[in-house]
Amino acid sequence: VSDANFKIRGNLTLTSPNGAEVWIINTAHTITWTKNGSIANVKLEYSTNGGTTYPNVIAASVNAGLGTYSWTIPDNPSVQVRLKVSDAGDATVFDSSDANFIIRGGFTLSSPNGAEVWTVGTIQNIAWTTFGSILNVKLEYSSNNGTFYNVIVASVGNTGVYGWTIPDAISTQCLVKISDVNDPNAMDTSDAIFKIRGSLNLSAPNGGEQWAVGSSQNILWTKVGSIANIKLEYSTDSGVTYPNIIVATTSAAALTYAWTVPDSISAT
């Protein structure tokens, strides 16, 4: 007979997560395993240091025969996460993830999220919600539908809102992106494009003037933003329609245009 006792034990194989997964905080994911032998219950734990230690208990005892457990991802971000399944009655029977996976925070950007029209020089709120304990965020914008992003602020406290002074970046193809300062892959962008536009203010004529046919009068305006050219038109029905073109295009930067008043006598 054997000189001393030996051991027959069961076997566990962890099938998910097994490496390279990216699981977002507060979302639900399924842990799966298989077993050989009459193992009654398993213990589930996870590590955030590549498996050096497993101090985090997910479940102390789960029916081993189920082979599955729904795990709501905790607020414990790391790029070196591994999971271990072990026999609840014999800790020497276990299996762990073959490689690291990632627990990551996340965002939902709510504004701007598409179709907004924001004017150069105004202050508009960028707003978002956060999944996980992300301390600081980076904010960027694109004016070419995401091909390239410009920095709004490299690092700001994660308060869920940021007052952005709209830059002179006139475009109909704008997006905003928010990301974790420490993990640029934890990010969200506007779901659809929005618009940044300039503005114009007409100062003359602005009401009450009496301009005689044939006289030369200065049309005056100011602008905000890099508007290159403007079109000038006039109405004789109080602005219901503008069928009369003064000039189809002239330099916006001139801020003035000498208009020879046409023979379109009207008080409106």
Protein backbone atom coordinates (compact mmCIF):
# COMPACT_ATOMS: atom_id res chain seq x y z
CA VAL A 1 0.00 0.00 0.00
CA SER A 2 1.01 3.66 -0.28
CA ASP A 3 3.31 4.69 2.53
CA ALA A 4 1.25 7.86 3.04
CA ASN A 5 -1.98 9.43 1.92
CA PHE A 6 -2.26 11.11 -1.46
CA LYS A 7 -4.99 13.40 -2.74
CA ILE A 8 -7.61 13.23 -5.47
CA ARG A 9 -9.10 16.64 -6.17
CA GLY A 10 -11.33 18.35 -8.66
CA ASN A 11 -10.29 20.79 -11.36
CA LEU A 12 -11.49 24.27 -12.35
CA THR A 13 -10.95 26.19 -15.60
CA LEU A 14 -11.78 29.91 -15.80
CA THR A 15 -13.06 30.77 -19.28
CA SER A 16 -14.01 34.43 -18.85
CA PRO A 17 -12.46 36.89 -18.19
CA ASN A 18 -9.29 35.35 -19.50
CA GLY A 19 -7.26 38.36 -20.65
CA ALA A 20 -7.55 41.53 -22.80
CA GLU A 21 -11.19 42.24 -21.90
CA VAL A 22 -12.13 45.85 -21.11
CA TRP A 23 -14.93 46.00 -18.55
CA ILE A 24 -16.43 49.35 -17.59
CA ILE A 25 -17.21 50.27 -13.99
CA ASN A 26 -20.88 49.79 -12.99
CA THR A 27 -21.64 47.56 -15.98
CA ALA A 28 -22.57 43.88 -15.57
CA HIS A 29 -20.38 41.12 -17.02
CA THR A 30 -20.52 37.34 -16.79
CA ILE A 31 -17.77 35.30 -15.15
CA THR A 32 -17.71 31.74 -16.53
CA TRP A 33 -15.88 28.54 -15.61
CA THR A 34 -15.98 24.79 -16.04
CA LYS A 35 -15.31 22.10 -13.44
CA ASN A 36 -14.28 18.48 -13.26
CA GLY A 37 -15.21 16.54 -10.16
CA SER A 38 -17.84 17.00 -7.48
CA ILE A 39 -16.85 20.51 -6.39
CA ALA A 40 -19.82 21.93 -4.52
CA ASN A 41 -19.05 25.65 -4.36
CA VAL A 42 -16.49 28.08 -5.71
CA LYS A 43 -15.00 31.31 -4.44
CA LEU A 44 -14.49 34.25 -6.83
CA GLU A 45 -11.78 36.86 -6.27
CA TYR A 46 -9.95 39.46 -8.32
CA SER A 47 -6.52 41.10 -8.37
CA THR A 48 -5.50 44.57 -9.56
CA ASN A 49 -1.75 43.86 -9.57
CA GLY A 50 -1.47 41.20 -12.22
CA GLY A 51 -2.26 38.32 -9.87
CA THR A 52 0.39 38.98 -7.25
CA THR A 53 -2.35 39.12 -4.62
CA TYR A 54 -6.10 38.54 -4.66
CA PRO A 55 -7.43 40.71 -1.81
CA ASN A 56 -10.81 41.43 -3.41
CA VAL A 57 -13.60 38.89 -2.86
CA ILE A 58 -16.38 38.94 -5.43
CA ALA A 59 -18.34 36.05 -3.90
CA ALA A 60 -17.23 33.79 -1.04
CA SER A 61 -19.40 30.85 -2.13
CA VAL A 62 -21.25 30.24 -5.39
CA ASN A 63 -22.78 26.98 -6.63
CA ALA A 64 -19.96 25.52 -8.71
CA GLY A 65 -22.38 23.70 -10.98
CA LEU A 66 -23.81 26.93 -12.34
CA GLY A 67 -20.60 27.74 -14.18
CA THR A 68 -21.55 31.39 -14.38
CA TYR A 69 -21.81 34.48 -12.19
CA SER A 70 -23.01 37.99 -13.07
CA TRP A 71 -20.53 40.55 -11.75
CA THR A 72 -21.25 44.28 -11.51
CA ILE A 73 -17.85 45.82 -12.12
CA PRO A 74 -16.60 47.70 -9.04
CA ASP A 75 -15.08 51.16 -8.88
CA ASN A 76 -11.52 49.86 -8.81
CA PRO A 77 -9.88 50.82 -12.12
CA SER A 78 -6.70 49.02 -13.18
CA VAL A 79 -5.00 47.73 -16.32
CA GLN A 80 -3.61 44.70 -14.43
CA VAL A 81 -6.77 42.90 -13.38
CA ARG A 82 -6.98 39.13 -13.07
CA LEU A 83 -9.77 36.95 -11.72
CA LYS A 84 -9.47 33.71 -9.75
CA VAL A 85 -12.01 30.93 -9.27
CA SER A 86 -11.23 28.41 -6.50
CA ASP A 87 -12.88 25.52 -4.71
CA ALA A 88 -14.58 27.09 -1.67
CA GLY A 89 -13.58 24.01 0.32
CA ASP A 90 -10.02 23.63 -1.00
CA ALA A 91 -8.12 26.79 -1.94
CA THR A 92 -5.43 24.75 -3.70
CA VAL A 93 -7.93 23.97 -6.46
CA PHE A 94 -8.15 27.11 -8.58
CA ASP A 95 -7.65 28.74 -11.94
CA SER A 96 -7.05 32.38 -12.83
CA SER A 97 -7.13 34.59 -15.90
CA ASP A 98 -4.35 33.70 -18.33
CA ALA A 99 -3.55 37.39 -18.89
CA ASN A 100 -4.47 40.80 -17.53
CA PHE A 101 -7.75 42.47 -18.38
CA ILE A 102 -8.85 46.05 -17.74
CA ILE A 103 -11.35 47.65 -15.40
CA ARG A 104 -11.94 51.14 -16.70
CA GLY A 105 -13.99 54.18 -15.81
CA GLY A 106 -16.19 55.75 -18.42
CA PHE A 107 -18.22 58.78 -19.45
CA THR A 108 -21.44 59.73 -21.13
CA LEU A 109 -21.11 63.13 -22.80
CA SER A 110 -24.52 64.80 -22.79
CA SER A 111 -23.67 68.26 -24.20
CA PRO A 112 -22.76 69.02 -26.92
CA ASN A 113 -24.15 65.81 -28.34
CA GLY A 114 -25.16 66.84 -31.85
CA ALA A 115 -27.11 69.57 -33.68
CA GLU A 116 -26.20 72.39 -31.26
CA VAL A 117 -25.29 75.77 -32.76
CA TRP A 118 -22.75 77.59 -30.58
CA THR A 119 -21.49 81.07 -31.41
CA VAL A 120 -17.86 82.18 -31.22
CA GLY A 121 -17.13 84.06 -28.00
CA THR A 122 -20.13 82.77 -26.03
CA ILE A 123 -19.79 80.53 -22.97
CA GLN A 124 -21.43 77.12 -23.33
CA ASN A 125 -21.53 74.23 -20.86
CA ILE A 126 -19.91 70.93 -21.73
CA ALA A 127 -21.75 68.36 -19.56
CA TRP A 128 -21.17 64.68 -18.79
CA THR A 129 -21.72 61.86 -16.32
CA THR A 130 -18.94 59.61 -15.03
CA PHE A 131 -18.67 55.90 -14.26
CA GLY A 132 -15.96 55.33 -11.67
CA SER A 133 -13.76 57.51 -9.49
CA ILE A 134 -12.00 59.54 -12.17
CA LEU A 135 -10.45 62.62 -10.57
CA ASN A 136 -9.47 64.73 -13.57
CA VAL A 137 -10.59 64.90 -17.18
CA LYS A 138 -9.21 66.20 -20.45
CA LEU A 139 -11.51 68.06 -22.85
CA GLU A 140 -10.88 68.43 -26.57
CA TYR A 141 -12.79 69.54 -29.66
CA SER A 142 -12.63 68.75 -33.34
CA SER A 143 -13.77 70.96 -36.20
CA ASN A 144 -13.37 68.23 -38.84
CA ASN A 145 -15.64 65.46 -37.55
CA GLY A 146 -12.99 63.81 -35.40
CA THR A 147 -10.01 63.70 -37.77
CA PHE A 148 -8.04 65.93 -35.41
CA TYR A 149 -8.73 67.18 -31.88
CA ASN A 150 -7.65 70.47 -30.28
CA VAL A 151 -7.19 70.73 -26.51
CA ILE A 152 -9.81 72.74 -24.62
CA VAL A 153 -8.25 71.99 -21.24
CA ALA A 154 -5.53 69.39 -20.55
CA SER A 155 -6.68 68.64 -16.99
CA VAL A 156 -9.63 69.86 -14.97
CA GLY A 157 -11.47 68.51 -11.95
CA ASN A 158 -14.17 66.00 -12.79
CA THR A 159 -17.21 68.06 -11.79
CA GLY A 160 -19.52 66.97 -14.62
CA VAL A 161 -19.67 70.41 -16.22
CA TYR A 162 -17.23 72.88 -17.80
CA GLY A 163 -17.93 76.39 -19.07
CA TRP A 164 -16.27 76.61 -22.49
CA THR A 165 -15.65 79.94 -24.21
CA ILE A 166 -16.30 79.02 -27.83
CA PRO A 167 -13.17 79.56 -29.95
CA ASP A 168 -12.93 81.07 -33.39
CA ALA A 169 -13.14 77.69 -35.06
CA ILE A 170 -16.11 78.15 -37.36
CA SER A 171 -17.29 74.80 -38.71
CA THR A 172 -20.36 72.63 -39.22
CA GLN A 173 -18.36 69.48 -38.39
CA CYS A 174 -17.61 69.92 -34.66
CA LEU A 175 -17.30 67.28 -31.94
CA VAL A 176 -16.22 67.37 -28.28
CA LYS A 177 -14.27 64.58 -26.58
CA ILE A 178 -13.87 63.90 -22.85
CA SER A 179 -11.26 61.48 -21.49
CA ASP A 180 -9.61 60.39 -18.26
CA VAL A 181 -6.32 62.27 -17.80
CA ASN A 182 -4.68 59.02 -16.65
CA ASP A 183 -6.31 56.71 -19.18
CA PRO A 184 -7.08 58.28 -22.58
CA ASN A 185 -8.96 55.16 -23.62
CA ALA A 186 -11.62 55.96 -21.01
CA MET A 187 -13.49 58.48 -23.11
CA ASP A 188 -16.66 59.54 -24.89
CA THR A 189 -17.38 61.91 -27.77
CA SER A 190 -20.40 63.79 -29.08
CA ASP A 191 -22.79 61.33 -30.73
CA ALA A 192 -23.19 63.65 -33.73
CA ILE A 193 -21.68 66.84 -35.12
CA PHE A 194 -22.63 70.32 -33.93
CA LYS A 195 -21.91 73.78 -35.32
CA ILE A 196 -19.63 76.62 -34.27
CA ARG A 197 -20.49 79.83 -36.09
CA GLY A 198 -19.51 83.49 -36.08
CA SER A 199 -21.86 86.42 -35.56
CA LEU A 200 -22.61 89.74 -37.25
CA ASN A 201 -24.03 92.96 -35.85
CA LEU A 202 -25.40 95.57 -38.27
CA SER A 203 -24.97 99.09 -36.86
CA ALA A 204 -26.02 101.23 -39.85
CA PRO A 205 -28.64 101.51 -41.13
CA ASN A 206 -30.32 100.38 -37.92
CA GLY A 207 -33.64 102.21 -37.98
CA GLY A 208 -34.80 105.85 -38.33
CA GLU A 209 -32.38 106.86 -41.10
CA GLN A 210 -33.64 108.71 -44.18
CA TRP A 211 -31.43 107.98 -47.15
CA ALA A 212 -32.07 109.73 -50.44
CA VAL A 213 -32.07 108.00 -53.80
CA GLY A 214 -28.68 108.44 -55.47
CA SER A 215 -26.81 109.36 -52.30
CA SER A 216 -23.81 107.37 -51.05
CA GLN A 217 -24.32 105.89 -47.59
CA ASN A 218 -22.09 103.68 -45.48
CA ILE A 219 -23.44 100.32 -44.37
CA LEU A 220 -21.60 99.46 -41.14
CA TRP A 221 -21.24 96.22 -39.19
CA THR A 222 -19.08 94.36 -36.70
CA LYS A 223 -18.24 90.68 -36.67
CA VAL A 224 -17.15 87.98 -34.24
CA GLY A 225 -15.17 85.08 -35.63
CA SER A 226 -13.24 84.52 -38.84
CA ILE A 227 -16.05 85.26 -41.27
CA ALA A 228 -14.30 85.90 -44.60
CA ASN A 229 -17.03 87.42 -46.74
CA ILE A 230 -20.54 88.75 -46.32
CA LYS A 231 -23.56 89.30 -48.52
CA LEU A 232 -25.60 92.52 -48.35
CA GLU A 233 -29.29 92.66 -49.24
CA TYR A 234 -32.18 95.02 -48.60
CA SER A 235 -35.90 94.68 -48.09
CA THR A 236 -38.70 97.18 -48.80
CA ASP A 237 -41.38 95.24 -46.87
CA SER A 238 -40.03 95.47 -43.29
CA GLY A 239 -37.89 92.37 -43.70
CA VAL A 240 -40.59 89.95 -44.81
CA THR A 241 -38.47 89.26 -47.89
CA TYR A 242 -34.98 90.27 -49.05
CA PRO A 243 -35.15 90.01 -52.85
CA ASN A 244 -32.72 92.85 -53.53
CA ILE A 245 -28.98 92.09 -53.55
CA ILE A 246 -26.67 95.04 -52.83
CA VAL A 247 -23.52 92.96 -53.23
CA ALA A 248 -23.25 89.16 -53.40
CA THR A 249 -19.88 89.04 -51.63
CA THR A 250 -17.60 91.60 -50.01
CA SER A 251 -14.88 91.41 -47.39
CA ALA A 252 -16.31 90.94 -43.90
CA ALA A 253 -13.17 92.50 -42.41
CA ALA A 254 -13.86 95.85 -44.14
CA LEU A 255 -16.73 96.52 -41.68
CA THR A 256 -18.12 99.12 -44.09
CA TYR A 257 -19.61 99.29 -47.57
CA ALA A 258 -20.41 102.42 -49.53
CA TRP A 259 -23.91 101.96 -50.98
CA THR A 260 -25.36 104.15 -53.66
CA VAL A 261 -29.00 104.23 -52.60
CA PRO A 262 -31.21 102.80 -55.39
CA ASP A 263 -34.50 104.14 -56.71
CA SER A 264 -36.59 101.88 -54.46
CA ILE A 265 -38.55 104.48 -52.53
CA SER A 266 -40.05 102.97 -49.37
CA ALA A 267 -40.58 103.81 -45.72
CA THR A 268 -40.17 100.14 -44.69
